[in-house]
Amino acid sequence: MTQLAPLAKEVDENKVTPGVLGFIVFAVMALAVWGLMKSMNRHMRKVDFKESTSEKEPVGAGAGVEGKRPDGEK
């Protein structure tokens, strides 16, 4: 970090700029976002969005005895 301080002094004192350090931070953040998007794209390709009809349970199938709620009340 102290090695980058002399690079910031080369800029005119009357101008406000992000400098070299600002560019490096922005570039690192851009590369991190690109890597995350690439990883998300890989994971999303593995997801099967189509639901098979043979595995689909009928409505209320896991509710126990018909006519009763799972918590035991009618």
C-alpha atoms as a PDB file:
ATOM      1  CA  MET A   1       0.000   0.000   0.000  1.00  0.00           C
ATOM      2  CA  THR A   2       2.824   2.398   0.804  1.00  0.00           C
ATOM      3  CA  GLN A   3       4.376   1.628  -2.600  1.00  0.00           C
ATOM      4  CA  LEU A   4       1.298   3.100  -4.316  1.00  0.00           C
ATOM      5  CA  ALA A   5       1.424   6.386  -2.359  1.00  0.00           C
ATOM      6  CA  PRO A   6       4.114   7.960  -4.600  1.00  0.00           C
ATOM      7  CA  LEU A   7       1.958   7.213  -7.659  1.00  0.00           C
ATOM      8  CA  ALA A   8      -0.841   9.308  -6.186  1.00  0.00           C
ATOM      9  CA  LYS A   9       1.501  12.300  -5.656  1.00  0.00           C
ATOM     10  CA  GLU A  10       2.188  12.571  -9.406  1.00  0.00           C
ATOM     11  CA  VAL A  11      -1.325  13.936  -9.971  1.00  0.00           C
ATOM     12  CA  ASP A  12      -1.978  17.685  -9.815  1.00  0.00           C
ATOM     13  CA  GLU A  13      -2.843  18.722  -6.240  1.00  0.00           C
ATOM     14  CA  ASN A  14      -5.760  20.899  -7.467  1.00  0.00           C
ATOM     15  CA  LYS A  15      -7.617  18.016  -9.149  1.00  0.00           C
ATOM     16  CA  VAL A  16      -9.688  15.441  -7.359  1.00  0.00           C
ATOM     17  CA  THR A  17      -9.261  12.041  -9.022  1.00  0.00           C
ATOM     18  CA  PRO A  18      -9.501   8.443  -7.834  1.00  0.00           C
ATOM     19  CA  GLY A  19      -5.957   7.817  -9.050  1.00  0.00           C
ATOM     20  CA  VAL A  20      -4.229   4.544  -9.717  1.00  0.00           C
ATOM     21  CA  LEU A  21      -5.374   2.976  -6.455  1.00  0.00           C
ATOM     22  CA  GLY A  22      -9.014   3.725  -7.303  1.00  0.00           C
ATOM     23  CA  PHE A  23      -8.576   2.120 -10.714  1.00  0.00           C
ATOM     24  CA  ILE A  24      -6.963  -0.983  -9.196  1.00  0.00           C
ATOM     25  CA  VAL A  25      -9.783  -1.369  -6.648  1.00  0.00           C
ATOM     26  CA  PHE A  26     -12.409  -0.941  -9.375  1.00  0.00           C
ATOM     27  CA  ALA A  27     -10.659  -3.473 -11.631  1.00  0.00           C
ATOM     28  CA  VAL A  28     -10.454  -6.049  -8.818  1.00  0.00           C
ATOM     29  CA  MET A  29     -14.150  -5.574  -8.031  1.00  0.00           C
ATOM     30  CA  ALA A  30     -15.052  -5.930 -11.725  1.00  0.00           C
ATOM     31  CA  LEU A  31     -13.065  -9.180 -11.967  1.00  0.00           C
ATOM     32  CA  ALA A  32     -14.758 -10.494  -8.807  1.00  0.00           C
ATOM     33  CA  VAL A  33     -18.242  -9.741 -10.211  1.00  0.00           C
ATOM     34  CA  TRP A  34     -17.301 -11.377 -13.521  1.00  0.00           C
ATOM     35  CA  GLY A  35     -16.122 -14.499 -11.668  1.00  0.00           C
ATOM     36  CA  LEU A  36     -19.289 -14.648  -9.574  1.00  0.00           C
ATOM     37  CA  MET A  37     -21.503 -14.297 -12.664  1.00  0.00           C
ATOM     38  CA  LYS A  38     -19.581 -17.058 -14.428  1.00  0.00           C
ATOM     39  CA  SER A  39     -19.963 -19.330 -11.388  1.00  0.00           C
ATOM     40  CA  MET A  40     -23.691 -18.546 -11.095  1.00  0.00           C
ATOM     41  CA  ASN A  41     -24.169 -19.324 -14.776  1.00  0.00           C
ATOM     42  CA  ARG A  42     -22.499 -22.730 -14.293  1.00  0.00           C
ATOM     43  CA  HIS A  43     -24.706 -23.527 -11.289  1.00  0.00           C
ATOM     44  CA  MET A  44     -27.894 -22.391 -13.049  1.00  0.00           C
ATOM     45  CA  ARG A  45     -27.174 -24.714 -15.976  1.00  0.00           C
ATOM     46  CA  LYS A  46     -27.250 -27.673 -13.555  1.00  0.00           C
ATOM     47  CA  VAL A  47     -30.754 -26.812 -12.273  1.00  0.00           C
ATOM     48  CA  ASP A  48     -33.642 -28.781 -13.758  1.00  0.00           C
ATOM     49  CA  PHE A  49     -36.593 -26.403 -14.017  1.00  0.00           C
ATOM     50  CA  LYS A  50     -39.015 -28.957 -15.459  1.00  0.00           C
ATOM     51  CA  GLU A  51     -41.088 -30.787 -12.870  1.00  0.00           C
ATOM     52  CA  SER A  52     -41.867 -34.384 -13.756  1.00  0.00           C
ATOM     53  CA  THR A  53     -45.539 -35.350 -13.426  1.00  0.00           C
ATOM     54  CA  SER A  54     -44.815 -38.825 -12.011  1.00  0.00           C
ATOM     55  CA  GLU A  55     -43.137 -37.414  -8.890  1.00  0.00           C
ATOM     56  CA  LYS A  56     -45.771 -34.753  -8.291  1.00  0.00           C
ATOM     57  CA  GLU A  57     -47.819 -35.386  -5.128  1.00  0.00           C
ATOM     58  CA  PRO A  58     -51.546 -34.693  -5.144  1.00  0.00           C
ATOM     59  CA  VAL A  59     -52.729 -31.665  -3.190  1.00  0.00           C
ATOM     60  CA  GLY A  60     -52.915 -32.473   0.542  1.00  0.00           C
ATOM     61  CA  ALA A  61     -51.064 -35.784   0.205  1.00  0.00           C
ATOM     62  CA  GLY A  62     -48.795 -35.141   3.186  1.00  0.00           C
ATOM     63  CA  ALA A  63     -51.579 -33.883   5.478  1.00  0.00           C
ATOM     64  CA  GLY A  64     -52.273 -37.220   7.198  1.00  0.00           C
ATOM     65  CA  VAL A  65     -55.896 -38.331   7.701  1.00  0.00           C
ATOM     66  CA  GLU A  66     -58.234 -36.685   5.250  1.00  0.00           C
ATOM     67  CA  GLY A  67     -60.306 -33.924   6.806  1.00  0.00           C
ATOM     68  CA  LYS A  68     -57.826 -33.202   9.614  1.00  0.00           C
ATOM     69  CA  ARG A  69     -55.113 -30.615   9.683  1.00  0.00           C
ATOM     70  CA  PRO A  70     -51.533 -31.705  10.464  1.00  0.00           C
ATOM     71  CA  ASP A  71     -51.685 -29.996  13.858  1.00  0.00           C
ATOM     72  CA  GLY A  72     -54.602 -32.225  14.941  1.00  0.00           C
ATOM     73  CA  GLU A  73     -57.413 -29.654  14.717  1.00  0.00           C
ATOM     74  CA  LYS A  74     -60.461 -30.080  12.461  1.00  0.00           C
END
